Structure formats: C-alpha cells, structure tokens
Amino acid sequence: MTFSGPPPGVPARSRFVLRRRLAACAPVAVALAGTLLAGPAAATPTAPAAPAAPSGNEVYVWATGVNLRPCPRLSTACRPTGVRLGREYATVYCQALGDRVVDGPYENTYWVEVAAHGQVGWISAVYVRGGDNNQPIPGVPGPDSCV
C-alpha cells in the first residue's frame, strides 16, 4: 500500500513535517516487521537460550501480572526482570524457600524456578495452581534440585 500524502487542503509546511516523521519511522517499522517475521531470536553470548527442562514439568500461573525475578526474593537486589506471567503454563525446574508472599488469603514462602517468554527466573508459589498455603507445590522437585 502506497501512502500518497495528506489531503490537498493541508498546508505545505504540515505535509513536509508529516513526510519527515513518516520517513523517520520507516526504518523502525521495517526492523519490527523483520523481527516479527523472523520468529524467536537465536541465543547470543549475552542472552543464552533457556536450558531444557530436566523433568518436562509445567505449572499453571493462575494470576495475571506475576513478575519473573532473578532470585526468590522481594528485595531491591532482586528486581523483576520485566517479564510478566499470567494465566499460562510455564516450564518448572525446581522450588526453594524464599521471601514470604501474601496475596489475599494466599501466602507462601516457597518459590518456583520457571522458564517463560525466553527467560528463566523465579515466581512465588502463591501464584501457581495446585499448592496450599506455606507448602511446596506437589510434583515439583525440591531445593536440592535447584542449581
């Protein structure tokens, strides 16, 4: 589809500004389209691919907006990675004790290490279907399995 420009009644100065803005956006649009068509990126030295799940287990994250963290803690030293999970399955590796998380009637000190959206990190067991308050998630390997 070819853009023929603004309607004839638009002043020349506005058409110039519009053309300049469209020209500035074109490389970004082309790069984005190429990225979307290319599919997932290959692993690079700075972003290794997630390891294969040793057990093939999956857990269901029932909540929305659950932050993936690099460690099982809520402290500022363990800030969220930017990946958020919600109402989806994630590959699970193991579980370990960490900071206590409370969400309404649910609370837990267990955290599970998961792979989701191309990253590996930790989420509170509070947001995983199948567990009880302050109990490990059944069927998920325990702390001695975590590397």
C-alpha atoms as a PDB file:
ATOM      1  CA  MET A   1       0.000   0.000   0.000  1.00  0.00           C
ATOM      2  CA  THR A   2       1.440   3.353  -1.020  1.00  0.00           C
ATOM      3  CA  PHE A   3       0.958   6.460   1.072  1.00  0.00           C
ATOM      4  CA  SER A   4       0.017   9.326  -1.193  1.00  0.00           C
ATOM      5  CA  GLY A   5       0.370  12.021   1.451  1.00  0.00           C
ATOM      6  CA  PRO A   6      -2.069  14.237   3.267  1.00  0.00           C
ATOM      7  CA  PRO A   7      -5.188  15.601   1.623  1.00  0.00           C
ATOM      8  CA  PRO A   8      -4.644  18.560  -0.725  1.00  0.00           C
ATOM      9  CA  GLY A   9      -6.077  21.085   1.774  1.00  0.00           C
ATOM     10  CA  VAL A  10      -3.210  20.522   4.264  1.00  0.00           C
ATOM     11  CA  PRO A  11      -0.611  23.345   4.240  1.00  0.00           C
ATOM     12  CA  ALA A  12       2.754  22.590   2.607  1.00  0.00           C
ATOM     13  CA  ARG A  13       4.623  23.018   5.920  1.00  0.00           C
ATOM     14  CA  SER A  14       2.420  20.363   7.587  1.00  0.00           C
ATOM     15  CA  ARG A  15       2.933  17.995   4.654  1.00  0.00           C
ATOM     16  CA  PHE A  16       6.710  18.457   4.964  1.00  0.00           C
ATOM     17  CA  VAL A  17       6.644  17.710   8.717  1.00  0.00           C
ATOM     18  CA  LEU A  18       4.415  14.673   8.142  1.00  0.00           C
ATOM     19  CA  ARG A  19       6.703  13.307   5.404  1.00  0.00           C
ATOM     20  CA  ARG A  20       9.755  13.809   7.624  1.00  0.00           C
ATOM     21  CA  ARG A  21       8.102  11.986  10.543  1.00  0.00           C
ATOM     22  CA  LEU A  22       6.984   9.118   8.321  1.00  0.00           C
ATOM     23  CA  ALA A  23      10.489   8.824   6.876  1.00  0.00           C
ATOM     24  CA  ALA A  24      11.938   8.692  10.396  1.00  0.00           C
ATOM     25  CA  CYS A  25       9.542   5.890  11.375  1.00  0.00           C
ATOM     26  CA  ALA A  26      10.083   3.765   8.271  1.00  0.00           C
ATOM     27  CA  PRO A  27      13.348   2.066   9.380  1.00  0.00           C
ATOM     28  CA  VAL A  28      11.798   1.149  12.732  1.00  0.00           C
ATOM     29  CA  ALA A  29       8.725  -0.300  11.030  1.00  0.00           C
ATOM     30  CA  VAL A  30      10.892  -2.333   8.645  1.00  0.00           C
ATOM     31  CA  ALA A  31      13.047  -3.649  11.515  1.00  0.00           C
ATOM     32  CA  LEU A  32       9.990  -4.540  13.578  1.00  0.00           C
ATOM     33  CA  ALA A  33       8.363  -6.338  10.659  1.00  0.00           C
ATOM     34  CA  GLY A  34      11.579  -8.280  10.040  1.00  0.00           C
ATOM     35  CA  THR A  35      11.775  -9.269  13.699  1.00  0.00           C
ATOM     36  CA  LEU A  36       8.169 -10.427  13.767  1.00  0.00           C
ATOM     37  CA  LEU A  37       8.552 -12.441  10.576  1.00  0.00           C
ATOM     38  CA  ALA A  38      11.894 -13.956  11.610  1.00  0.00           C
ATOM     39  CA  GLY A  39      10.467 -15.580  14.752  1.00  0.00           C
ATOM     40  CA  PRO A  40      12.361 -16.090  18.024  1.00  0.00           C
ATOM     41  CA  ALA A  41      15.908 -14.817  18.123  1.00  0.00           C
ATOM     42  CA  ALA A  42      18.789 -17.247  18.393  1.00  0.00           C
ATOM     43  CA  ALA A  43      20.809 -17.332  21.581  1.00  0.00           C
ATOM     44  CA  THR A  44      23.605 -14.799  21.852  1.00  0.00           C
ATOM     45  CA  PRO A  45      26.516 -14.675  24.291  1.00  0.00           C
ATOM     46  CA  THR A  46      24.673 -12.035  26.345  1.00  0.00           C
ATOM     47  CA  ALA A  47      21.295 -13.820  26.279  1.00  0.00           C
ATOM     48  CA  PRO A  48      21.687 -17.606  26.394  1.00  0.00           C
ATOM     49  CA  ALA A  49      18.761 -19.789  25.499  1.00  0.00           C
ATOM     50  CA  ALA A  50      16.790 -21.226  28.377  1.00  0.00           C
ATOM     51  CA  PRO A  51      18.010 -24.699  29.324  1.00  0.00           C
ATOM     52  CA  ALA A  52      15.774 -27.646  28.531  1.00  0.00           C
ATOM     53  CA  ALA A  53      13.512 -28.654  31.395  1.00  0.00           C
ATOM     54  CA  PRO A  54      15.073 -31.650  33.144  1.00  0.00           C
ATOM     55  CA  SER A  55      11.696 -33.054  34.152  1.00  0.00           C
ATOM     56  CA  GLY A  56       9.414 -31.614  31.490  1.00  0.00           C
ATOM     57  CA  ASN A  57       7.048 -30.424  34.234  1.00  0.00           C
ATOM     58  CA  GLU A  58       4.779 -27.465  33.743  1.00  0.00           C
ATOM     59  CA  VAL A  59       2.888 -25.359  36.252  1.00  0.00           C
ATOM     60  CA  TYR A  60      -0.104 -23.129  35.665  1.00  0.00           C
ATOM     61  CA  VAL A  61       0.227 -19.491  36.753  1.00  0.00           C
ATOM     62  CA  TRP A  62      -3.349 -18.552  37.674  1.00  0.00           C
ATOM     63  CA  ALA A  63      -2.849 -14.841  38.393  1.00  0.00           C
ATOM     64  CA  THR A  64      -2.023 -12.047  35.950  1.00  0.00           C
ATOM     65  CA  GLY A  65       0.961  -9.695  36.035  1.00  0.00           C
ATOM     66  CA  VAL A  66       3.191 -12.072  38.021  1.00  0.00           C
ATOM     67  CA  ASN A  67       6.759 -10.741  37.995  1.00  0.00           C
ATOM     68  CA  LEU A  68       9.596 -13.056  36.997  1.00  0.00           C
ATOM     69  CA  ARG A  69      12.591 -12.397  39.274  1.00  0.00           C
ATOM     70  CA  PRO A  70      16.244 -13.489  39.103  1.00  0.00           C
ATOM     71  CA  CYS A  71      16.083 -14.884  42.667  1.00  0.00           C
ATOM     72  CA  PRO A  72      13.371 -15.970  45.134  1.00  0.00           C
ATOM     73  CA  ARG A  73      13.314 -12.627  46.946  1.00  0.00           C
ATOM     74  CA  LEU A  74      11.289  -9.401  47.033  1.00  0.00           C
ATOM     75  CA  SER A  75      14.244  -7.169  47.884  1.00  0.00           C
ATOM     76  CA  THR A  76      15.509  -4.377  45.643  1.00  0.00           C
ATOM     77  CA  ALA A  77      18.584  -6.514  44.961  1.00  0.00           C
ATOM     78  CA  CYS A  78      16.270  -8.956  43.163  1.00  0.00           C
ATOM     79  CA  ARG A  79      14.277  -6.635  40.919  1.00  0.00           C
ATOM     80  CA  PRO A  80      11.796  -8.078  38.412  1.00  0.00           C
ATOM     81  CA  THR A  81      13.231  -8.966  35.003  1.00  0.00           C
ATOM     82  CA  GLY A  82      10.446  -7.197  33.123  1.00  0.00           C
ATOM     83  CA  VAL A  83       8.778 -10.457  32.115  1.00  0.00           C
ATOM     84  CA  ARG A  84       5.275 -10.906  33.497  1.00  0.00           C
ATOM     85  CA  LEU A  85       3.320 -14.127  33.502  1.00  0.00           C
ATOM     86  CA  GLY A  86      -0.389 -14.651  33.769  1.00  0.00           C
ATOM     87  CA  ARG A  87      -2.947 -17.341  33.138  1.00  0.00           C
ATOM     88  CA  GLU A  88      -0.465 -19.531  31.301  1.00  0.00           C
ATOM     89  CA  TYR A  89       1.680 -22.627  31.641  1.00  0.00           C
ATOM     90  CA  ALA A  90       5.400 -22.325  32.332  1.00  0.00           C
ATOM     91  CA  THR A  91       8.104 -24.973  32.401  1.00  0.00           C
ATOM     92  CA  VAL A  92       9.187 -25.561  36.002  1.00  0.00           C
ATOM     93  CA  TYR A  93      12.646 -26.665  37.158  1.00  0.00           C
ATOM     94  CA  CYS A  94      12.547 -26.722  40.947  1.00  0.00           C
ATOM     95  CA  GLN A  95      11.326 -24.934  44.058  1.00  0.00           C
ATOM     96  CA  ALA A  96      13.077 -23.391  47.025  1.00  0.00           C
ATOM     97  CA  LEU A  97      12.313 -21.360  50.129  1.00  0.00           C
ATOM     98  CA  GLY A  98      12.458 -17.589  49.761  1.00  0.00           C
ATOM     99  CA  ASP A  99      10.683 -14.449  50.916  1.00  0.00           C
ATOM    100  CA  ARG A 100       7.100 -14.743  52.154  1.00  0.00           C
ATOM    101  CA  VAL A 101       4.490 -13.527  49.662  1.00  0.00           C
ATOM    102  CA  VAL A 102       0.894 -12.780  50.671  1.00  0.00           C
ATOM    103  CA  ASP A 103      -1.912 -12.142  48.182  1.00  0.00           C
ATOM    104  CA  GLY A 104      -5.364 -12.037  49.773  1.00  0.00           C
ATOM    105  CA  PRO A 105      -5.999 -15.353  51.536  1.00  0.00           C
ATOM    106  CA  TYR A 106      -2.952 -16.954  49.916  1.00  0.00           C
ATOM    107  CA  GLU A 107       0.558 -16.958  51.352  1.00  0.00           C
ATOM    108  CA  ASN A 108       3.714 -18.938  50.747  1.00  0.00           C
ATOM    109  CA  THR A 109       7.447 -18.898  51.358  1.00  0.00           C
ATOM    110  CA  TYR A 110       8.104 -21.319  48.504  1.00  0.00           C
ATOM    111  CA  TRP A 111       9.172 -20.036  45.095  1.00  0.00           C
ATOM    112  CA  VAL A 112       9.389 -21.959  41.834  1.00  0.00           C
ATOM    113  CA  GLU A 113      12.026 -21.558  39.153  1.00  0.00           C
ATOM    114  CA  VAL A 114      10.356 -21.399  35.748  1.00  0.00           C
ATOM    115  CA  ALA A 115      11.135 -20.732  32.102  1.00  0.00           C
ATOM    116  CA  ALA A 116       8.763 -18.343  30.371  1.00  0.00           C
ATOM    117  CA  HIS A 117       8.951 -15.910  27.465  1.00  0.00           C
ATOM    118  CA  GLY A 118      12.569 -16.862  26.769  1.00  0.00           C
ATOM    119  CA  GLN A 119      13.840 -16.251  30.307  1.00  0.00           C
ATOM    120  CA  VAL A 120      14.416 -18.341  33.404  1.00  0.00           C
ATOM    121  CA  GLY A 121      13.553 -16.896  36.792  1.00  0.00           C
ATOM    122  CA  TRP A 122      11.538 -17.246  39.973  1.00  0.00           C
ATOM    123  CA  ILE A 123       7.873 -16.679  40.822  1.00  0.00           C
ATOM    124  CA  SER A 124       6.141 -17.099  44.153  1.00  0.00           C
ATOM    125  CA  ALA A 125       4.314 -20.396  44.664  1.00  0.00           C
ATOM    126  CA  VAL A 126       1.324 -18.267  45.713  1.00  0.00           C
ATOM    127  CA  TYR A 127       0.561 -17.782  42.011  1.00  0.00           C
ATOM    128  CA  VAL A 128       0.924 -21.448  40.992  1.00  0.00           C
ATOM    129  CA  ARG A 129      -2.167 -23.628  40.832  1.00  0.00           C
ATOM    130  CA  GLY A 130      -2.182 -26.742  42.983  1.00  0.00           C
ATOM    131  CA  GLY A 131      -0.392 -25.736  46.156  1.00  0.00           C
ATOM    132  CA  ASP A 132      -1.514 -24.947  49.689  1.00  0.00           C
ATOM    133  CA  ASN A 133      -0.553 -22.065  51.929  1.00  0.00           C
ATOM    134  CA  ASN A 134       3.063 -22.311  53.077  1.00  0.00           C
ATOM    135  CA  GLN A 135       3.530 -25.679  51.374  1.00  0.00           C
ATOM    136  CA  PRO A 136       5.642 -26.760  48.403  1.00  0.00           C
ATOM    137  CA  ILE A 137       3.943 -27.343  45.050  1.00  0.00           C
ATOM    138  CA  PRO A 138       3.239 -31.083  44.685  1.00  0.00           C
ATOM    139  CA  GLY A 139       5.251 -32.795  41.950  1.00  0.00           C
ATOM    140  CA  VAL A 140       7.863 -30.023  41.617  1.00  0.00           C
ATOM    141  CA  PRO A 141      11.437 -31.038  42.567  1.00  0.00           C
ATOM    142  CA  GLY A 142      12.679 -29.632  45.868  1.00  0.00           C
ATOM    143  CA  PRO A 143      15.506 -27.286  46.827  1.00  0.00           C
ATOM    144  CA  ASP A 144      18.268 -29.882  46.383  1.00  0.00           C
ATOM    145  CA  SER A 145      17.369 -29.950  42.646  1.00  0.00           C
ATOM    146  CA  CYS A 146      17.973 -26.218  42.169  1.00  0.00           C
ATOM    147  CA  VAL A 147      21.329 -25.229  40.728  1.00  0.00           C
END
